[in-house]
Amino acid sequence: MNDFIQQLLADGPVVTDGAWGTELQARGLQSGELPDAWNLEHPERVVSVARAYVEAGSRVILTNTFGANRLRLGGHALANRVSEINRAGVQLSRQAAASAAHVFASIGPTGKMLLSGETTIEELRAAFAEQAQALAEGGADAIVIETMSDLDEAKAAIAAVKATGLPVVACAVFDAGKDKDRTMMGATPEQVARELTEAGADVVGANCGVGIERYVPVCQRLKTATDRPIWIKANAGLPVMVDGRVTYRTTPEEFAGHMPALLAAGASFIGGCCGANPEFIRAVKTHLTARS
C-alpha cells in the first residue's frame, strides 16, 4: 500500500466529502454554466463548499476541477486556461482545508468517447497529463480519478497521475445493467478492480450513479478482486423531479444508516456524491465516531 494512504488509514476509515456540483448549484451555478470556471470567477463560493465539508468532519476534500481538462474546457473557449483553473482549484480547497484535511484533486472524464471515435487514446493521455501536472504543481496531496465508465480512459488518466508521483484513487461509476452493477461500457466490479489495480491505482472504488444501498454489494465485489483500499462515494439516492427541480430523497440519517454494511463490505474511504451535502458527511462522521 502507498505509504501516504497507509498513514491516512492508520486510524480507521476516512471520511471524505460530498457533492460539489449540487452544492455549487445551491450557491447560484446555472444550468449549462461550467463549474470549474468558478475557480476564477467566484472563488469565494468554491471555498465555501470546501469549508462546509471540512467543518462537517471531512478528513479528505476534493477540488472543483472535475471537468477541468482541455477537451471539456475547449467547449467553453477555456482550453488555454487549463493550468490556471486547476491550480486555482487546488489552492481554494487547500485554503479551506488548512491543517484539518487533505486535498485530493478531482479528475473526471473528458466527455469524449473512444468507442465512437470522438477522441483518441493519444488525445486523452495528453489532456490528462496536462491536467494532472497542473494539479500536482498546485499542491494536491493526491488525485482522484472519478466517475469513469470507460476503463481505457481511466487507465490513461491513471498513467498521467502516476507520472506526477502523487497517490492516485481511481473510481468507476456503476449505473447500468439489471442490478445497476455494471459500468455503461458493461464492466463488472471485479473487472474494474482488477484492471485499475494493474494500471497502478493506489485506491480503487466507485462513485455517483446510484444510491448507497446499491454500492454496498459493489463495494464487496470490488474488495474481492483487489488488495487496494476501497473508496465509495454514493449519491443521495436517485434524483427525482419535484416542481421542476431535481431532488434527492435519501436523508442524511438514512444514508449514514448504511455505514455498518458498507464498512463490513470493505470500504476504507467513505463520502457522498450528487445530492449528498455537508449534513450527510456530518451524519457519516457521527456514526463512525460512535462506532470507534
C-alpha atoms as a PDB file:
ATOM      1  CA  MET A   1       0.000   0.000   0.000  1.00  0.00           C
ATOM      2  CA  ASN A   2       1.151   3.535  -0.731  1.00  0.00           C
ATOM      3  CA  ASP A   3       2.796   4.995   2.404  1.00  0.00           C
ATOM      4  CA  PHE A   4       0.701   8.167   2.431  1.00  0.00           C
ATOM      5  CA  ILE A   5      -2.530   6.211   2.029  1.00  0.00           C
ATOM      6  CA  GLN A   6      -1.450   3.779   4.741  1.00  0.00           C
ATOM      7  CA  GLN A   7      -0.822   6.636   7.163  1.00  0.00           C
ATOM      8  CA  LEU A   8      -4.241   8.122   6.415  1.00  0.00           C
ATOM      9  CA  LEU A   9      -5.936   4.823   7.169  1.00  0.00           C
ATOM     10  CA  ALA A  10      -3.946   4.117  10.327  1.00  0.00           C
ATOM     11  CA  ASP A  11      -6.783   5.421  12.499  1.00  0.00           C
ATOM     12  CA  GLY A  12      -9.550   3.620  10.633  1.00  0.00           C
ATOM     13  CA  PRO A  13     -11.901   4.528   7.771  1.00  0.00           C
ATOM     14  CA  VAL A  14     -11.520   8.026   6.348  1.00  0.00           C
ATOM     15  CA  VAL A  15     -14.488  10.345   5.827  1.00  0.00           C
ATOM     16  CA  THR A  16     -14.239  12.213   2.538  1.00  0.00           C
ATOM     17  CA  ASP A  17     -16.522  14.963   1.274  1.00  0.00           C
ATOM     18  CA  GLY A  18     -19.854  15.033  -0.519  1.00  0.00           C
ATOM     19  CA  ALA A  19     -21.266  16.515  -3.704  1.00  0.00           C
ATOM     20  CA  TRP A  20     -19.717  19.529  -5.366  1.00  0.00           C
ATOM     21  CA  GLY A  21     -21.984  20.092  -8.362  1.00  0.00           C
ATOM     22  CA  THR A  22     -25.225  20.249  -6.421  1.00  0.00           C
ATOM     23  CA  GLU A  23     -23.606  22.414  -3.741  1.00  0.00           C
ATOM     24  CA  LEU A  24     -22.375  24.893  -6.332  1.00  0.00           C
ATOM     25  CA  GLN A  25     -25.877  24.927  -7.820  1.00  0.00           C
ATOM     26  CA  ALA A  26     -27.200  25.814  -4.382  1.00  0.00           C
ATOM     27  CA  ARG A  27     -24.824  28.791  -4.485  1.00  0.00           C
ATOM     28  CA  GLY A  28     -26.047  30.020  -7.858  1.00  0.00           C
ATOM     29  CA  LEU A  29     -24.437  27.878 -10.548  1.00  0.00           C
ATOM     30  CA  GLN A  30     -26.804  27.865 -13.512  1.00  0.00           C
ATOM     31  CA  SER A  31     -27.651  25.041 -15.902  1.00  0.00           C
ATOM     32  CA  GLY A  32     -25.077  24.966 -18.692  1.00  0.00           C
ATOM     33  CA  GLU A  33     -22.582  27.013 -16.709  1.00  0.00           C
ATOM     34  CA  LEU A  34     -19.126  25.479 -16.274  1.00  0.00           C
ATOM     35  CA  PRO A  35     -18.479  24.702 -12.585  1.00  0.00           C
ATOM     36  CA  ASP A  36     -14.689  24.718 -12.981  1.00  0.00           C
ATOM     37  CA  ALA A  37     -14.689  28.309 -14.257  1.00  0.00           C
ATOM     38  CA  TRP A  38     -15.952  29.384 -10.849  1.00  0.00           C
ATOM     39  CA  ASN A  39     -12.432  28.819  -9.509  1.00  0.00           C
ATOM     40  CA  LEU A  40     -11.600  32.079 -11.276  1.00  0.00           C
ATOM     41  CA  GLU A  41     -14.976  33.820 -11.371  1.00  0.00           C
ATOM     42  CA  HIS A  42     -16.408  33.055  -7.903  1.00  0.00           C
ATOM     43  CA  PRO A  43     -13.567  31.692  -5.763  1.00  0.00           C
ATOM     44  CA  GLU A  44     -15.287  32.642  -2.516  1.00  0.00           C
ATOM     45  CA  ARG A  45     -18.251  30.384  -3.317  1.00  0.00           C
ATOM     46  CA  VAL A  46     -15.953  27.492  -4.189  1.00  0.00           C
ATOM     47  CA  VAL A  47     -14.098  27.929  -0.895  1.00  0.00           C
ATOM     48  CA  SER A  48     -17.420  27.949   0.944  1.00  0.00           C
ATOM     49  CA  VAL A  49     -18.253  24.469  -0.421  1.00  0.00           C
ATOM     50  CA  ALA A  50     -14.906  23.064   0.625  1.00  0.00           C
ATOM     51  CA  ARG A  51     -15.037  24.759   4.029  1.00  0.00           C
ATOM     52  CA  ALA A  52     -18.512  23.382   4.731  1.00  0.00           C
ATOM     53  CA  TYR A  53     -17.186  19.843   4.277  1.00  0.00           C
ATOM     54  CA  VAL A  54     -14.173  20.448   6.498  1.00  0.00           C
ATOM     55  CA  GLU A  55     -16.483  21.811   9.195  1.00  0.00           C
ATOM     56  CA  ALA A  56     -18.720  18.745   8.785  1.00  0.00           C
ATOM     57  CA  GLY A  57     -15.782  16.448   9.537  1.00  0.00           C
ATOM     58  CA  SER A  58     -14.226  15.507   6.187  1.00  0.00           C
ATOM     59  CA  ARG A  59     -10.615  14.387   6.516  1.00  0.00           C
ATOM     60  CA  VAL A  60     -10.254  14.444   2.736  1.00  0.00           C
ATOM     61  CA  ILE A  61     -11.820  17.055   0.456  1.00  0.00           C
ATOM     62  CA  LEU A  62     -11.777  17.212  -3.309  1.00  0.00           C
ATOM     63  CA  THR A  63     -11.348  20.152  -5.679  1.00  0.00           C
ATOM     64  CA  ASN A  64     -13.613  21.931  -8.134  1.00  0.00           C
ATOM     65  CA  THR A  65     -11.672  20.544 -11.110  1.00  0.00           C
ATOM     66  CA  PHE A  66     -13.806  17.582 -12.216  1.00  0.00           C
ATOM     67  CA  GLY A  67     -14.191  18.891 -15.773  1.00  0.00           C
ATOM     68  CA  ALA A  68     -11.031  20.981 -15.997  1.00  0.00           C
ATOM     69  CA  ASN A  69      -9.390  19.060 -18.819  1.00  0.00           C
ATOM     70  CA  ARG A  70      -8.576  20.546 -22.217  1.00  0.00           C
ATOM     71  CA  LEU A  71     -11.341  18.671 -24.052  1.00  0.00           C
ATOM     72  CA  ARG A  72     -14.152  19.828 -21.754  1.00  0.00           C
ATOM     73  CA  LEU A  73     -12.800  23.336 -21.275  1.00  0.00           C
ATOM     74  CA  GLY A  74     -12.468  23.709 -25.036  1.00  0.00           C
ATOM     75  CA  GLY A  75     -16.241  23.651 -25.329  1.00  0.00           C
ATOM     76  CA  HIS A  76     -16.305  26.855 -23.284  1.00  0.00           C
ATOM     77  CA  ALA A  77     -13.360  28.564 -25.025  1.00  0.00           C
ATOM     78  CA  LEU A  78     -11.164  27.927 -21.977  1.00  0.00           C
ATOM     79  CA  ALA A  79      -8.713  25.346 -23.301  1.00  0.00           C
ATOM     80  CA  ASN A  80      -5.863  27.820 -22.866  1.00  0.00           C
ATOM     81  CA  ARG A  81      -6.601  28.149 -19.119  1.00  0.00           C
ATOM     82  CA  VAL A  82      -6.224  24.515 -18.034  1.00  0.00           C
ATOM     83  CA  SER A  83      -3.280  25.165 -15.757  1.00  0.00           C
ATOM     84  CA  GLU A  84      -4.773  28.323 -14.224  1.00  0.00           C
ATOM     85  CA  ILE A  85      -8.141  26.715 -13.435  1.00  0.00           C
ATOM     86  CA  ASN A  86      -6.647  23.536 -11.960  1.00  0.00           C
ATOM     87  CA  ARG A  87      -4.059  25.326  -9.852  1.00  0.00           C
ATOM     88  CA  ALA A  88      -6.745  27.650  -8.515  1.00  0.00           C
ATOM     89  CA  GLY A  89      -8.986  24.680  -7.704  1.00  0.00           C
ATOM     90  CA  VAL A  90      -6.313  23.076  -5.542  1.00  0.00           C
ATOM     91  CA  GLN A  91      -5.409  26.328  -3.834  1.00  0.00           C
ATOM     92  CA  LEU A  92      -9.038  27.091  -2.956  1.00  0.00           C
ATOM     93  CA  SER A  93      -9.563  23.679  -1.383  1.00  0.00           C
ATOM     94  CA  ARG A  94      -6.245  23.951   0.431  1.00  0.00           C
ATOM     95  CA  GLN A  95      -7.306  27.335   1.782  1.00  0.00           C
ATOM     96  CA  ALA A  96     -10.446  25.740   3.209  1.00  0.00           C
ATOM     97  CA  ALA A  97      -8.671  22.623   4.455  1.00  0.00           C
ATOM     98  CA  ALA A  98      -5.877  24.437   6.300  1.00  0.00           C
ATOM     99  CA  SER A  99      -4.405  21.742   8.564  1.00  0.00           C
ATOM    100  CA  ALA A 100      -7.725  19.969   9.167  1.00  0.00           C
ATOM    101  CA  ALA A 101      -7.996  17.944   5.947  1.00  0.00           C
ATOM    102  CA  HIS A 102      -6.047  16.638   2.983  1.00  0.00           C
ATOM    103  CA  VAL A 103      -6.761  17.763  -0.575  1.00  0.00           C
ATOM    104  CA  PHE A 104      -7.348  15.082  -3.208  1.00  0.00           C
ATOM    105  CA  ALA A 105      -7.729  16.811  -6.561  1.00  0.00           C
ATOM    106  CA  SER A 106     -10.532  15.673  -8.875  1.00  0.00           C
ATOM    107  CA  ILE A 107     -10.163  14.469 -12.458  1.00  0.00           C
ATOM    108  CA  GLY A 108     -13.336  13.453 -14.289  1.00  0.00           C
ATOM    109  CA  PRO A 109     -13.918  12.012 -17.756  1.00  0.00           C
ATOM    110  CA  THR A 110     -13.385  14.144 -20.843  1.00  0.00           C
ATOM    111  CA  GLY A 111     -16.910  13.664 -22.146  1.00  0.00           C
ATOM    112  CA  LYS A 112     -15.487  12.300 -25.400  1.00  0.00           C
ATOM    113  CA  MET A 113     -15.955   8.631 -26.300  1.00  0.00           C
ATOM    114  CA  LEU A 114     -13.174   6.465 -27.655  1.00  0.00           C
ATOM    115  CA  LEU A 115     -15.638   3.892 -28.964  1.00  0.00           C
ATOM    116  CA  SER A 116     -17.398   6.363 -31.248  1.00  0.00           C
ATOM    117  CA  GLY A 117     -14.184   7.958 -32.468  1.00  0.00           C
ATOM    118  CA  GLU A 118     -14.830  11.313 -30.780  1.00  0.00           C
ATOM    119  CA  THR A 119     -11.304  11.220 -29.416  1.00  0.00           C
ATOM    120  CA  THR A 120      -8.169   9.086 -29.476  1.00  0.00           C
ATOM    121  CA  ILE A 121      -6.179   7.463 -26.700  1.00  0.00           C
ATOM    122  CA  GLU A 122      -3.286   9.806 -27.506  1.00  0.00           C
ATOM    123  CA  GLU A 123      -5.557  12.833 -27.120  1.00  0.00           C
ATOM    124  CA  LEU A 124      -6.833  11.520 -23.784  1.00  0.00           C
ATOM    125  CA  ARG A 125      -3.320  10.887 -22.497  1.00  0.00           C
ATOM    126  CA  ALA A 126      -2.233  14.396 -23.418  1.00  0.00           C
ATOM    127  CA  ALA A 127      -5.298  16.014 -21.830  1.00  0.00           C
ATOM    128  CA  PHE A 128      -4.953  14.085 -18.582  1.00  0.00           C
ATOM    129  CA  ALA A 129      -1.195  14.646 -18.421  1.00  0.00           C
ATOM    130  CA  GLU A 130      -1.710  18.395 -18.719  1.00  0.00           C
ATOM    131  CA  GLN A 131      -4.394  18.439 -16.020  1.00  0.00           C
ATOM    132  CA  ALA A 132      -2.558  16.107 -13.624  1.00  0.00           C
ATOM    133  CA  GLN A 133       0.620  18.152 -13.883  1.00  0.00           C
ATOM    134  CA  ALA A 134      -1.255  21.366 -13.079  1.00  0.00           C
ATOM    135  CA  LEU A 135      -2.953  19.752 -10.076  1.00  0.00           C
ATOM    136  CA  ALA A 136       0.374  18.452  -8.784  1.00  0.00           C
ATOM    137  CA  GLU A 137       2.009  21.850  -9.225  1.00  0.00           C
ATOM    138  CA  GLY A 138      -0.949  23.410  -7.416  1.00  0.00           C
ATOM    139  CA  GLY A 139      -0.123  21.380  -4.311  1.00  0.00           C
ATOM    140  CA  ALA A 140      -2.565  18.464  -4.264  1.00  0.00           C
ATOM    141  CA  ASP A 141      -1.845  15.674  -1.776  1.00  0.00           C
ATOM    142  CA  ALA A 142      -3.288  13.051  -4.134  1.00  0.00           C
ATOM    143  CA  ILE A 143      -5.527  12.859  -7.198  1.00  0.00           C
ATOM    144  CA  VAL A 144      -8.931  11.168  -7.550  1.00  0.00           C
ATOM    145  CA  ILE A 145      -9.983   9.934 -10.982  1.00  0.00           C
ATOM    146  CA  GLU A 146     -13.750   9.648 -10.694  1.00  0.00           C
ATOM    147  CA  THR A 147     -16.998   8.798 -12.461  1.00  0.00           C
ATOM    148  CA  MET A 148     -15.260   6.748 -15.145  1.00  0.00           C
ATOM    149  CA  SER A 149     -17.276   4.375 -17.335  1.00  0.00           C
ATOM    150  CA  ASP A 150     -14.586   3.534 -19.905  1.00  0.00           C
ATOM    151  CA  LEU A 151     -11.669   1.601 -18.421  1.00  0.00           C
ATOM    152  CA  ASP A 152      -9.330   2.658 -21.225  1.00  0.00           C
ATOM    153  CA  GLU A 153      -9.999   6.299 -20.394  1.00  0.00           C
ATOM    154  CA  ALA A 154      -9.492   5.568 -16.685  1.00  0.00           C
ATOM    155  CA  LYS A 155      -6.173   3.874 -17.405  1.00  0.00           C
ATOM    156  CA  ALA A 156      -4.994   6.843 -19.467  1.00  0.00           C
ATOM    157  CA  ALA A 157      -5.780   9.090 -16.505  1.00  0.00           C
ATOM    158  CA  ILE A 158      -4.025   6.761 -14.062  1.00  0.00           C
ATOM    159  CA  ALA A 159      -0.862   6.808 -16.173  1.00  0.00           C
ATOM    160  CA  ALA A 160      -0.946  10.610 -16.240  1.00  0.00           C
ATOM    161  CA  VAL A 161      -1.273  10.843 -12.460  1.00  0.00           C
ATOM    162  CA  LYS A 162       1.399   8.219 -11.822  1.00  0.00           C
ATOM    163  CA  ALA A 163       3.821  10.347 -13.840  1.00  0.00           C
ATOM    164  CA  THR A 164       3.417  13.146 -11.264  1.00  0.00           C
ATOM    165  CA  GLY A 165       4.412  10.862  -8.387  1.00  0.00           C
ATOM    166  CA  LEU A 166       1.192  11.574  -6.456  1.00  0.00           C
ATOM    167  CA  PRO A 167      -1.005   8.813  -4.987  1.00  0.00           C
ATOM    168  CA  VAL A 168      -3.938   8.007  -7.259  1.00  0.00           C
ATOM    169  CA  VAL A 169      -7.502   6.956  -6.464  1.00  0.00           C
ATOM    170  CA  ALA A 170      -9.402   5.536  -9.458  1.00  0.00           C
ATOM    171  CA  CYS A 171     -13.198   5.156  -9.439  1.00  0.00           C
ATOM    172  CA  ALA A 172     -15.806   3.893 -11.859  1.00  0.00           C
ATOM    173  CA  VAL A 173     -19.499   4.701 -11.945  1.00  0.00           C
ATOM    174  CA  PHE A 174     -21.850   1.726 -11.790  1.00  0.00           C
ATOM    175  CA  ASP A 175     -25.263   2.666 -13.132  1.00  0.00           C
ATOM    176  CA  ALA A 176     -26.082   0.095 -15.826  1.00  0.00           C
ATOM    177  CA  GLY A 177     -27.449  -3.428 -16.018  1.00  0.00           C
ATOM    178  CA  LYS A 178     -30.445  -5.012 -14.303  1.00  0.00           C
ATOM    179  CA  ASP A 179     -28.911  -4.604 -10.851  1.00  0.00           C
ATOM    180  CA  LYS A 180     -27.038  -1.362 -11.582  1.00  0.00           C
ATOM    181  CA  ASP A 181     -23.771  -3.227 -11.041  1.00  0.00           C
ATOM    182  CA  ARG A 182     -22.135  -2.539 -14.405  1.00  0.00           C
ATOM    183  CA  THR A 183     -20.467   0.489 -15.902  1.00  0.00           C
ATOM    184  CA  MET A 184     -22.033   1.996 -19.000  1.00  0.00           C
ATOM    185  CA  MET A 185     -19.466   0.003 -21.009  1.00  0.00           C
ATOM    186  CA  GLY A 186     -20.503  -3.232 -19.290  1.00  0.00           C
ATOM    187  CA  ALA A 187     -17.581  -3.725 -16.902  1.00  0.00           C
ATOM    188  CA  THR A 188     -18.242  -5.566 -13.632  1.00  0.00           C
ATOM    189  CA  PRO A 189     -16.873  -4.502 -10.235  1.00  0.00           C
ATOM    190  CA  GLU A 190     -14.401  -7.392 -10.355  1.00  0.00           C
ATOM    191  CA  GLN A 191     -13.126  -6.353 -13.780  1.00  0.00           C
ATOM    192  CA  VAL A 192     -12.863  -2.723 -12.717  1.00  0.00           C
ATOM    193  CA  ALA A 193     -10.935  -3.600  -9.559  1.00  0.00           C
ATOM    194  CA  ARG A 194      -8.506  -5.893 -11.367  1.00  0.00           C
ATOM    195  CA  GLU A 195      -7.787  -3.582 -14.272  1.00  0.00           C
ATOM    196  CA  LEU A 196      -7.452  -0.382 -12.239  1.00  0.00           C
ATOM    197  CA  THR A 197      -5.161  -2.165  -9.789  1.00  0.00           C
ATOM    198  CA  GLU A 198      -2.999  -3.491 -12.610  1.00  0.00           C
ATOM    199  CA  ALA A 199      -2.847   0.024 -14.066  1.00  0.00           C
ATOM    200  CA  GLY A 200      -1.308   1.287 -10.823  1.00  0.00           C
ATOM    201  CA  ALA A 201      -4.140   2.784  -8.771  1.00  0.00           C
ATOM    202  CA  ASP A 202      -3.313   3.060  -5.061  1.00  0.00           C
ATOM    203  CA  VAL A 203      -7.024   3.063  -4.143  1.00  0.00           C
ATOM    204  CA  VAL A 204      -9.938   1.796  -6.259  1.00  0.00           C
ATOM    205  CA  GLY A 205     -13.613   2.457  -5.895  1.00  0.00           C
ATOM    206  CA  ALA A 206     -16.978   3.661  -7.115  1.00  0.00           C
ATOM    207  CA  ASN A 207     -18.816   6.955  -7.099  1.00  0.00           C
ATOM    208  CA  CYS A 208     -22.002   8.593  -8.379  1.00  0.00           C
ATOM    209  CA  GLY A 209     -24.584   6.674 -10.391  1.00  0.00           C
ATOM    210  CA  VAL A 210     -26.743   5.150  -7.678  1.00  0.00           C
ATOM    211  CA  GLY A 211     -27.638   5.353  -4.000  1.00  0.00           C
ATOM    212  CA  ILE A 212     -25.578   3.963  -1.177  1.00  0.00           C
ATOM    213  CA  GLU A 213     -27.640   0.790  -0.729  1.00  0.00           C
ATOM    214  CA  ARG A 214     -26.608  -0.394  -4.213  1.00  0.00           C
ATOM    215  CA  TYR A 215     -22.945   0.376  -3.580  1.00  0.00           C
ATOM    216  CA  VAL A 216     -22.735  -1.990  -0.617  1.00  0.00           C
ATOM    217  CA  PRO A 217     -22.654  -5.119  -2.841  1.00  0.00           C
ATOM    218  CA  VAL A 218     -20.499  -3.286  -5.411  1.00  0.00           C
ATOM    219  CA  CYS A 219     -18.012  -2.466  -2.648  1.00  0.00           C
ATOM    220  CA  GLN A 220     -17.945  -6.086  -1.542  1.00  0.00           C
ATOM    221  CA  ARG A 221     -17.256  -7.261  -5.076  1.00  0.00           C
ATOM    222  CA  LEU A 222     -14.517  -4.673  -5.616  1.00  0.00           C
ATOM    223  CA  LYS A 223     -12.861  -5.848  -2.417  1.00  0.00           C
ATOM    224  CA  THR A 224     -12.718  -9.465  -3.583  1.00  0.00           C
ATOM    225  CA  ALA A 225     -10.702  -8.504  -6.664  1.00  0.00           C
ATOM    226  CA  THR A 226      -8.028  -6.179  -5.260  1.00  0.00           C
ATOM    227  CA  ASP A 227      -5.723  -5.716  -2.299  1.00  0.00           C
ATOM    228  CA  ARG A 228      -6.076  -1.922  -2.518  1.00  0.00           C
ATOM    229  CA  PRO A 229      -8.240   0.162  -0.174  1.00  0.00           C
ATOM    230  CA  ILE A 230     -11.779   0.830  -1.408  1.00  0.00           C
ATOM    231  CA  TRP A 231     -13.250   4.311  -1.974  1.00  0.00           C
ATOM    232  CA  ILE A 232     -17.046   4.723  -2.066  1.00  0.00           C
ATOM    233  CA  LYS A 233     -18.980   7.949  -2.741  1.00  0.00           C
ATOM    234  CA  ALA A 234     -22.620   7.184  -3.477  1.00  0.00           C
ATOM    235  CA  ASN A 235     -25.413   9.554  -4.429  1.00  0.00           C
ATOM    236  CA  ALA A 236     -28.179  10.547  -2.025  1.00  0.00           C
ATOM    237  CA  GLY A 237     -30.426   8.103  -3.836  1.00  0.00           C
ATOM    238  CA  LEU A 238     -31.710   8.542  -7.385  1.00  0.00           C
ATOM    239  CA  PRO A 239     -32.786  12.017  -8.484  1.00  0.00           C
ATOM    240  CA  VAL A 240     -36.470  12.817  -8.942  1.00  0.00           C
ATOM    241  CA  MET A 241     -38.169  15.915 -10.337  1.00  0.00           C
ATOM    242  CA  VAL A 242     -40.245  17.880  -7.823  1.00  0.00           C
ATOM    243  CA  ASP A 243     -41.839  21.121  -9.007  1.00  0.00           C
ATOM    244  CA  GLY A 244     -39.379  21.267 -11.882  1.00  0.00           C
ATOM    245  CA  ARG A 245     -36.320  20.817  -9.664  1.00  0.00           C
ATOM    246  CA  VAL A 246     -34.018  17.835  -9.268  1.00  0.00           C
ATOM    247  CA  THR A 247     -34.395  16.442  -5.750  1.00  0.00           C
ATOM    248  CA  TYR A 248     -32.701  13.618  -3.845  1.00  0.00           C
ATOM    249  CA  ARG A 249     -34.957  11.946  -1.289  1.00  0.00           C
ATOM    250  CA  THR A 250     -32.470   9.995   0.818  1.00  0.00           C
ATOM    251  CA  THR A 251     -31.966  11.716   4.170  1.00  0.00           C
ATOM    252  CA  PRO A 252     -28.598  12.077   5.918  1.00  0.00           C
ATOM    253  CA  GLU A 253     -29.748   9.648   8.620  1.00  0.00           C
ATOM    254  CA  GLU A 254     -30.832   7.048   6.054  1.00  0.00           C
ATOM    255  CA  PHE A 255     -27.543   7.451   4.236  1.00  0.00           C
ATOM    256  CA  ALA A 256     -25.455   7.040   7.394  1.00  0.00           C
ATOM    257  CA  GLY A 257     -27.580   4.044   8.385  1.00  0.00           C
ATOM    258  CA  HIS A 258     -25.809   2.050   5.675  1.00  0.00           C
ATOM    259  CA  MET A 259     -22.394   2.595   7.278  1.00  0.00           C
ATOM    260  CA  PRO A 260     -22.253  -0.768   9.123  1.00  0.00           C
ATOM    261  CA  ALA A 261     -22.963  -2.688   5.918  1.00  0.00           C
ATOM    262  CA  LEU A 262     -20.569  -0.558   3.864  1.00  0.00           C
ATOM    263  CA  LEU A 263     -17.755  -0.979   6.367  1.00  0.00           C
ATOM    264  CA  ALA A 264     -18.395  -4.714   6.554  1.00  0.00           C
ATOM    265  CA  ALA A 265     -18.176  -4.782   2.752  1.00  0.00           C
ATOM    266  CA  GLY A 266     -14.654  -3.348   2.968  1.00  0.00           C
ATOM    267  CA  ALA A 267     -14.898   0.409   2.407  1.00  0.00           C
ATOM    268  CA  SER A 268     -11.940   2.443   3.662  1.00  0.00           C
ATOM    269  CA  PHE A 269     -12.799   5.892   2.272  1.00  0.00           C
ATOM    270  CA  ILE A 270     -16.449   6.949   2.574  1.00  0.00           C
ATOM    271  CA  GLY A 271     -18.218  10.070   1.346  1.00  0.00           C
ATOM    272  CA  GLY A 272     -21.099  11.141  -0.837  1.00  0.00           C
ATOM    273  CA  CYS A 273     -21.769  12.258  -4.383  1.00  0.00           C
ATOM    274  CA  CYS A 274     -24.721  14.011  -6.063  1.00  0.00           C
ATOM    275  CA  GLY A 275     -27.217  15.333  -3.535  1.00  0.00           C
ATOM    276  CA  ALA A 276     -25.085  14.447  -0.513  1.00  0.00           C
ATOM    277  CA  ASN A 277     -24.472  17.772   1.221  1.00  0.00           C
ATOM    278  CA  PRO A 278     -22.435  18.537   4.375  1.00  0.00           C
ATOM    279  CA  GLU A 279     -25.250  17.214   6.578  1.00  0.00           C
ATOM    280  CA  PHE A 280     -24.682  13.769   5.045  1.00  0.00           C
ATOM    281  CA  ILE A 281     -20.979  13.967   5.849  1.00  0.00           C
ATOM    282  CA  ARG A 282     -21.751  15.100   9.378  1.00  0.00           C
ATOM    283  CA  ALA A 283     -24.064  12.101   9.813  1.00  0.00           C
ATOM    284  CA  VAL A 284     -21.424   9.701   8.466  1.00  0.00           C
ATOM    285  CA  LYS A 285     -18.786  11.232  10.724  1.00  0.00           C
ATOM    286  CA  THR A 286     -21.073  10.945  13.756  1.00  0.00           C
ATOM    287  CA  HIS A 287     -21.747   7.287  13.021  1.00  0.00           C
ATOM    288  CA  LEU A 288     -18.072   6.425  12.582  1.00  0.00           C
ATOM    289  CA  THR A 289     -17.108   8.317  15.717  1.00  0.00           C
ATOM    290  CA  ALA A 290     -19.746   6.460  17.741  1.00  0.00           C
ATOM    291  CA  ARG A 291     -18.525   3.163  16.291  1.00  0.00           C
ATOM    292  CA  SER A 292     -14.958   3.779  17.379  1.00  0.00           C
END
